[in-house]
Every structure is written in structure tokens, then in C-alpha cells.
């Protein structure tokens, strides 16, 4: 999933290690989220949203695929 975590983190002047400590996760977790290799749990996504004081949909960009579309 695409996201703005890296951009927002850098705007706040935080490195991955410090941001991870604030969220009580590993630096590797933050790195994986930023690279789109790992989708955070709903709880973690809301923690990130709360930390940046932004709605979750402004941070995480979900590209919908309409799998129920009739053909």
C-alpha cells in the first residue's frame, strides 16, 4: 500500500529509529511500511495517524480494485 509515512516523518525531523521507538515498533517495521513492503495492522495505522494528527486516508493510499464489478 502506498503511503506518506516517510515524507511526514522527515517533515518532523525524525529518523526511522526514533520514530520506531515512539511507536514501540522496530526500525525494520518502519522501513518496510515506508517502502510499501508491509501493511501495518489497523491499530498501528491508527497510531501513526494519531501521531501525525492526520486522517488515516491522508497517510495511507488504498488503491481499490472493484473485484465485485459485474462483467
PDB file of N, CA and C in Angstrom:
ATOM      1  N   UNK A   1       0.833  -1.166   0.000  1.00  0.00           N
ATOM      2  CA  UNK A   1       0.000   0.000   0.000  1.00  0.00           C
ATOM      3  C   UNK A   1       0.887   1.242   0.000  1.00  0.00           C
ATOM      4  N   UNK A   2       0.548   2.164  -0.859  1.00  0.00           N
ATOM      5  CA  UNK A   2       1.301   3.416  -0.890  1.00  0.00           C
ATOM      6  C   UNK A   2       0.970   4.228   0.349  1.00  0.00           C
ATOM      7  N   UNK A   3       1.951   5.029   0.780  1.00  0.00           N
ATOM      8  CA  UNK A   3       1.713   5.850   1.968  1.00  0.00           C
ATOM      9  C   UNK A   3       2.646   7.059   1.970  1.00  0.00           C
ATOM     10  N   UNK A   4       2.368   7.968   2.887  1.00  0.00           N
ATOM     11  CA  UNK A   4       3.155   9.197   3.043  1.00  0.00           C
ATOM     12  C   UNK A   4       3.957   9.197   4.345  1.00  0.00           C
ATOM     13  N   UNK A   5       4.172   8.027   4.920  1.00  0.00           N
ATOM     14  CA  UNK A   5       4.833   7.948   6.217  1.00  0.00           C
ATOM     15  C   UNK A   5       6.236   8.550   6.173  1.00  0.00           C
ATOM     16  N   UNK A   6       7.020   8.176   5.184  1.00  0.00           N
ATOM     17  CA  UNK A   6       8.393   8.695   5.108  1.00  0.00           C
ATOM     18  C   UNK A   6       8.407  10.211   4.985  1.00  0.00           C
ATOM     19  N   UNK A   7       7.578  10.745   4.121  1.00  0.00           N
ATOM     20  CA  UNK A   7       7.514  12.195   3.915  1.00  0.00           C
ATOM     21  C   UNK A   7       7.138  12.908   5.210  1.00  0.00           C
ATOM     22  N   UNK A   8       6.088  12.422   5.870  1.00  0.00           N
ATOM     23  CA  UNK A   8       5.640  13.056   7.106  1.00  0.00           C
ATOM     24  C   UNK A   8       6.674  12.918   8.222  1.00  0.00           C
ATOM     25  N   UNK A   9       7.305  11.760   8.297  1.00  0.00           N
ATOM     26  CA  UNK A   9       8.343  11.538   9.318  1.00  0.00           C
ATOM     27  C   UNK A   9       9.489  12.528   9.131  1.00  0.00           C
ATOM     28  N   UNK A  10       9.939  12.666   7.883  1.00  0.00           N
ATOM     29  CA  UNK A  10      11.058  13.579   7.602  1.00  0.00           C
ATOM     30  C   UNK A  10      10.676  15.033   7.857  1.00  0.00           C
ATOM     31  N   UNK A  11       9.425  15.386   7.554  1.00  0.00           N
ATOM     32  CA  UNK A  11       8.961  16.750   7.835  1.00  0.00           C
ATOM     33  C   UNK A  11       9.051  17.076   9.326  1.00  0.00           C
ATOM     34  N   UNK A  12       8.916  16.058  10.154  1.00  0.00           N
ATOM     35  CA  UNK A  12       9.002  16.253  11.606  1.00  0.00           C
ATOM     36  C   UNK A  12      10.433  16.136  12.119  1.00  0.00           C
ATOM     37  N   UNK A  13      11.376  15.873  11.203  1.00  0.00           N
ATOM     38  CA  UNK A  13      12.779  15.800  11.583  1.00  0.00           C
ATOM     39  C   UNK A  13      13.151  14.539  12.331  1.00  0.00           C
ATOM     40  N   UNK A  14      12.397  13.467  12.105  1.00  0.00           N
ATOM     41  CA  UNK A  14      12.674  12.203  12.793  1.00  0.00           C
ATOM     42  C   UNK A  14      13.361  11.213  11.863  1.00  0.00           C
ATOM     43  N   UNK A  15      14.304  10.457  12.412  1.00  0.00           N
ATOM     44  CA  UNK A  15      14.851   9.343  11.640  1.00  0.00           C
ATOM     45  C   UNK A  15      14.004   8.104  11.931  1.00  0.00           C
ATOM     46  N   UNK A  16      14.234   7.051  11.177  1.00  0.00           N
ATOM     47  CA  UNK A  16      13.428   5.841  11.339  1.00  0.00           C
ATOM     48  C   UNK A  16      13.544   5.250  12.742  1.00  0.00           C
ATOM     49  N   UNK A  17      14.728   5.262  13.289  1.00  0.00           N
ATOM     50  CA  UNK A  17      14.963   4.679  14.617  1.00  0.00           C
ATOM     51  C   UNK A  17      14.155   5.406  15.693  1.00  0.00           C
ATOM     52  N   UNK A  18      14.216   6.724  15.691  1.00  0.00           N
ATOM     53  CA  UNK A  18      13.489   7.496  16.703  1.00  0.00           C
ATOM     54  C   UNK A  18      11.972   7.358  16.533  1.00  0.00           C
ATOM     55  N   UNK A  19      11.515   7.373  15.292  1.00  0.00           N
ATOM     56  CA  UNK A  19      10.083   7.213  15.025  1.00  0.00           C
ATOM     57  C   UNK A  19       9.610   5.836  15.497  1.00  0.00           C
ATOM     58  N   UNK A  20      10.402   4.820  15.220  1.00  0.00           N
ATOM     59  CA  UNK A  20      10.063   3.461  15.651  1.00  0.00           C
ATOM     60  C   UNK A  20       9.965   3.380  17.174  1.00  0.00           C
ATOM     61  N   UNK A  21      10.884   4.007  17.879  1.00  0.00           N
ATOM     62  CA  UNK A  21      10.842   3.989  19.342  1.00  0.00           C
ATOM     63  C   UNK A  21       9.576   4.650  19.872  1.00  0.00           C
ATOM     64  N   UNK A  22       9.191   5.761  19.256  1.00  0.00           N
ATOM     65  CA  UNK A  22       7.973   6.453  19.686  1.00  0.00           C
ATOM     66  C   UNK A  22       6.728   5.584  19.506  1.00  0.00           C
ATOM     67  N   UNK A  23       6.738   4.756  18.467  1.00  0.00           N
ATOM     68  CA  UNK A  23       5.592   3.891  18.181  1.00  0.00           C
ATOM     69  C   UNK A  23       5.728   2.493  18.793  1.00  0.00           C
ATOM     70  N   UNK A  24       6.874   2.246  19.436  1.00  0.00           N
ATOM     71  CA  UNK A  24       7.149   0.947  20.065  1.00  0.00           C
ATOM     72  C   UNK A  24       7.148  -0.201  19.053  1.00  0.00           C
ATOM     73  N   UNK A  25       7.792   0.045  17.916  1.00  0.00           N
ATOM     74  CA  UNK A  25       7.988  -0.982  16.892  1.00  0.00           C
ATOM     75  C   UNK A  25       9.453  -0.954  16.482  1.00  0.00           C
ATOM     76  N   UNK A  26       9.864  -1.886  15.649  1.00  0.00           N
ATOM     77  CA  UNK A  26      11.258  -1.921  15.207  1.00  0.00           C
ATOM     78  C   UNK A  26      11.485  -0.940  14.057  1.00  0.00           C
ATOM     79  N   UNK A  27      12.741  -0.557  13.888  1.00  0.00           N
ATOM     80  CA  UNK A  27      13.103   0.295  12.765  1.00  0.00           C
ATOM     81  C   UNK A  27      12.791  -0.412  11.453  1.00  0.00           C
ATOM     82  N   UNK A  28      12.973  -1.733  11.443  1.00  0.00           N
ATOM     83  CA  UNK A  28      12.695  -2.522  10.245  1.00  0.00           C
ATOM     84  C   UNK A  28      11.209  -2.445   9.866  1.00  0.00           C
ATOM     85  N   UNK A  29      10.341  -2.400  10.867  1.00  0.00           N
ATOM     86  CA  UNK A  29       8.907  -2.263  10.593  1.00  0.00           C
ATOM     87  C   UNK A  29       8.628  -0.934   9.902  1.00  0.00           C
ATOM     88  N   UNK A  30       9.208   0.135  10.407  1.00  0.00           N
ATOM     89  CA  UNK A  30       9.018   1.459   9.798  1.00  0.00           C
ATOM     90  C   UNK A  30       9.553   1.461   8.376  1.00  0.00           C
ATOM     91  N   UNK A  31      10.733   0.905   8.182  1.00  0.00           N
ATOM     92  CA  UNK A  31      11.332   0.834   6.852  1.00  0.00           C
ATOM     93  C   UNK A  31      10.421   0.073   5.887  1.00  0.00           C
ATOM     94  N   UNK A  32       9.897  -1.049   6.337  1.00  0.00           N
ATOM     95  CA  UNK A  32       9.029  -1.868   5.478  1.00  0.00           C
ATOM     96  C   UNK A  32       7.724  -1.155   5.137  1.00  0.00           C
ATOM     97  N   UNK A  33       7.167  -0.444   6.106  1.00  0.00           N
ATOM     98  CA  UNK A  33       5.943   0.323   5.845  1.00  0.00           C
ATOM     99  C   UNK A  33       6.234   1.412   4.818  1.00  0.00           C
ATOM    100  N   UNK A  34       7.314   2.138   5.020  1.00  0.00           N
ATOM    101  CA  UNK A  34       7.655   3.238   4.112  1.00  0.00           C
ATOM    102  C   UNK A  34       7.901   2.758   2.688  1.00  0.00           C
ATOM    103  N   UNK A  35       8.469   1.573   2.546  1.00  0.00           N
ATOM    104  CA  UNK A  35       8.745   1.032   1.207  1.00  0.00           C
ATOM    105  C   UNK A  35       7.544   0.312   0.605  1.00  0.00           C
ATOM    106  N   UNK A  36       6.454   0.225   1.358  1.00  0.00           N
ATOM    107  CA  UNK A  36       5.259  -0.444   0.856  1.00  0.00           C
ATOM    108  C   UNK A  36       5.364  -1.952   0.851  1.00  0.00           C
ATOM    109  N   UNK A  37       6.318  -2.484   1.597  1.00  0.00           N
ATOM    110  CA  UNK A  37       6.521  -3.937   1.667  1.00  0.00           C
ATOM    111  C   UNK A  37       5.698  -4.582   2.773  1.00  0.00           C
ATOM    112  N   UNK A  38       5.163  -3.752   3.666  1.00  0.00           N
ATOM    113  CA  UNK A  38       4.402  -4.264   4.807  1.00  0.00           C
ATOM    114  C   UNK A  38       3.251  -3.313   5.078  1.00  0.00           C
ATOM    115  N   UNK A  39       2.056  -3.857   5.179  1.00  0.00           N
ATOM    116  CA  UNK A  39       0.898  -3.065   5.565  1.00  0.00           C
ATOM    117  C   UNK A  39       0.735  -3.158   7.070  1.00  0.00           C
ATOM    118  N   UNK A  40       0.702  -2.022   7.742  1.00  0.00           N
ATOM    119  CA  UNK A  40       0.585  -2.061   9.201  1.00  0.00           C
ATOM    120  C   UNK A  40      -0.770  -2.609   9.633  1.00  0.00           C
ATOM    121  N   UNK A  41      -0.811  -3.122  10.844  1.00  0.00           N
ATOM    122  CA  UNK A  41      -2.097  -3.524  11.420  1.00  0.00           C
ATOM    123  C   UNK A  41      -2.972  -2.281  11.514  1.00  0.00           C
ATOM    124  N   UNK A  42      -4.253  -2.501  11.670  1.00  0.00           N
ATOM    125  CA  UNK A  42      -5.166  -1.374  11.800  1.00  0.00           C
ATOM    126  C   UNK A  42      -4.806  -0.534  13.022  1.00  0.00           C
ATOM    127  N   UNK A  43      -4.453  -1.193  14.123  1.00  0.00           N
ATOM    128  CA  UNK A  43      -4.051  -0.463  15.332  1.00  0.00           C
ATOM    129  C   UNK A  43      -2.832   0.416  15.081  1.00  0.00           C
ATOM    130  N   UNK A  44      -1.818  -0.138  14.422  1.00  0.00           N
ATOM    131  CA  UNK A  44      -0.608   0.630  14.144  1.00  0.00           C
ATOM    132  C   UNK A  44      -0.900   1.764  13.166  1.00  0.00           C
ATOM    133  N   UNK A  45      -1.730   1.519  12.172  1.00  0.00           N
ATOM    134  CA  UNK A  45      -2.088   2.571  11.214  1.00  0.00           C
ATOM    135  C   UNK A  45      -2.762   3.738  11.942  1.00  0.00           C
ATOM    136  N   UNK A  46      -3.637   3.426  12.900  1.00  0.00           N
ATOM    137  CA  UNK A  46      -4.289   4.491  13.669  1.00  0.00           C
ATOM    138  C   UNK A  46      -3.303   5.197  14.591  1.00  0.00           C
ATOM    139  N   UNK A  47      -2.341   4.470  15.146  1.00  0.00           N
ATOM    140  CA  UNK A  47      -1.308   5.109  15.972  1.00  0.00           C
ATOM    141  C   UNK A  47      -0.502   6.104  15.138  1.00  0.00           C
ATOM    142  N   UNK A  48      -0.149   5.700  13.931  1.00  0.00           N
ATOM    143  CA  UNK A  48       0.604   6.579  13.027  1.00  0.00           C
ATOM    144  C   UNK A  48      -0.242   7.796  12.682  1.00  0.00           C
ATOM    145  N   UNK A  49      -1.510   7.564  12.381  1.00  0.00           N
ATOM    146  CA  UNK A  49      -2.444   8.649  12.077  1.00  0.00           C
ATOM    147  C   UNK A  49      -2.541   9.625  13.253  1.00  0.00           C
ATOM    148  N   UNK A  50      -2.689   9.092  14.446  1.00  0.00           N
ATOM    149  CA  UNK A  50      -2.767   9.934  15.644  1.00  0.00           C
ATOM    150  C   UNK A  50      -1.477  10.718  15.860  1.00  0.00           C
ATOM    151  N   UNK A  51      -0.345  10.057  15.643  1.00  0.00           N
ATOM    152  CA  UNK A  51       0.945  10.714  15.840  1.00  0.00           C
ATOM    153  C   UNK A  51       1.084  11.933  14.930  1.00  0.00           C
ATOM    154  N   UNK A  52       0.720  11.757  13.661  1.00  0.00           N
ATOM    155  CA  UNK A  52       0.846  12.861  12.704  1.00  0.00           C
ATOM    156  C   UNK A  52      -0.342  13.823  12.741  1.00  0.00           C
ATOM    157  N   UNK A  53      -1.370  13.468  13.520  1.00  0.00           N
ATOM    158  CA  UNK A  53      -2.596  14.277  13.612  1.00  0.00           C
ATOM    159  C   UNK A  53      -3.211  14.528  12.239  1.00  0.00           C
ATOM    160  N   UNK A  54      -3.284  13.436  11.481  1.00  0.00           N
ATOM    161  CA  UNK A  54      -3.865  13.486  10.143  1.00  0.00           C
ATOM    162  C   UNK A  54      -4.814  12.313   9.989  1.00  0.00           C
ATOM    163  N   UNK A  55      -5.862  12.498   9.201  1.00  0.00           N
ATOM    164  CA  UNK A  55      -6.756  11.360   8.953  1.00  0.00           C
ATOM    165  C   UNK A  55      -5.987  10.216   8.287  1.00  0.00           C
ATOM    166  N   UNK A  56      -6.368   9.028   8.624  1.00  0.00           N
ATOM    167  CA  UNK A  56      -5.670   7.844   8.126  1.00  0.00           C
ATOM    168  C   UNK A  56      -5.615   7.820   6.602  1.00  0.00           C
ATOM    169  N   UNK A  57      -6.685   8.286   5.953  1.00  0.00           N
ATOM    170  CA  UNK A  57      -6.722   8.258   4.490  1.00  0.00           C
ATOM    171  C   UNK A  57      -5.793   9.295   3.850  1.00  0.00           C
ATOM    172  N   UNK A  58      -5.276  10.240   4.633  1.00  0.00           N
ATOM    173  CA  UNK A  58      -4.273  11.173   4.115  1.00  0.00           C
ATOM    174  C   UNK A  58      -2.861  10.597   4.206  1.00  0.00           C
ATOM    175  N   UNK A  59      -2.714   9.524   4.950  1.00  0.00           N
ATOM    176  CA  UNK A  59      -1.405   8.896   5.138  1.00  0.00           C
ATOM    177  C   UNK A  59      -1.274   7.635   4.287  1.00  0.00           C
ATOM    178  N   UNK A  60      -2.309   6.816   4.318  1.00  0.00           N
ATOM    179  CA  UNK A  60      -2.278   5.546   3.598  1.00  0.00           C
ATOM    180  C   UNK A  60      -3.210   5.630   2.394  1.00  0.00           C
ATOM    181  N   UNK A  61      -2.655   5.375   1.215  1.00  0.00           N
ATOM    182  CA  UNK A  61      -3.400   5.483  -0.035  1.00  0.00           C
ATOM    183  C   UNK A  61      -3.772   4.088  -0.511  1.00  0.00           C
ATOM    184  N   UNK A  62      -5.050   3.799  -0.406  1.00  0.00           N
ATOM    185  CA  UNK A  62      -5.539   2.481  -0.807  1.00  0.00           C
ATOM    186  C   UNK A  62      -6.048   2.555  -2.241  1.00  0.00           C
ATOM    187  N   UNK A  63      -5.464   1.741  -3.103  1.00  0.00           N
ATOM    188  CA  UNK A  63      -5.903   1.685  -4.497  1.00  0.00           C
ATOM    189  C   UNK A  63      -6.928   0.575  -4.613  1.00  0.00           C
ATOM    190  N   UNK A  64      -8.157   0.968  -4.761  1.00  0.00           N
ATOM    191  CA  UNK A  64      -9.257  -0.004  -4.805  1.00  0.00           C
ATOM    192  C   UNK A  64      -9.322  -0.709  -6.138  1.00  0.00           C
ATOM    193  N   UNK A  65      -9.570  -1.967  -6.044  1.00  0.00           N
ATOM    194  CA  UNK A  65      -9.854  -2.778  -7.223  1.00  0.00           C
ATOM    195  C   UNK A  65     -11.264  -3.308  -7.007  1.00  0.00           C
ATOM    196  N   UNK A  66     -12.139  -2.980  -7.918  1.00  0.00           N
ATOM    197  CA  UNK A  66     -13.521  -3.411  -7.758  1.00  0.00           C
ATOM    198  C   UNK A  66     -13.652  -4.865  -8.196  1.00  0.00           C
ATOM    199  N   UNK A  67     -13.424  -5.760  -7.251  1.00  0.00           N
ATOM    200  CA  UNK A  67     -13.459  -7.183  -7.570  1.00  0.00           C
ATOM    201  C   UNK A  67     -14.884  -7.715  -7.654  1.00  0.00           C
ATOM    202  N   UNK A  68     -15.849  -6.873  -7.336  1.00  0.00           N
ATOM    203  CA  UNK A  68     -17.247  -7.294  -7.403  1.00  0.00           C
ATOM    204  C   UNK A  68     -17.961  -6.744  -8.637  1.00  0.00           C
ATOM    205  N   UNK A  69     -17.205  -6.051  -9.463  1.00  0.00           N
ATOM    206  CA  UNK A  69     -17.782  -5.482 -10.678  1.00  0.00           C
ATOM    207  C   UNK A  69     -18.277  -6.599 -11.595  1.00  0.00           C
ATOM    208  N   UNK A  70     -19.490  -6.443 -12.088  1.00  0.00           N
ATOM    209  CA  UNK A  70     -20.047  -7.452 -12.990  1.00  0.00           C
ATOM    210  C   UNK A  70     -19.488  -7.252 -14.378  1.00  0.00           C
ATOM    211  N   UNK A  71     -19.207  -8.363 -15.017  1.00  0.00           N
ATOM    212  CA  UNK A  71     -18.642  -8.302 -16.365  1.00  0.00           C
ATOM    213  C   UNK A  71     -19.664  -8.702 -17.390  1.00  0.00           C
TER     214      UNK A  71
END
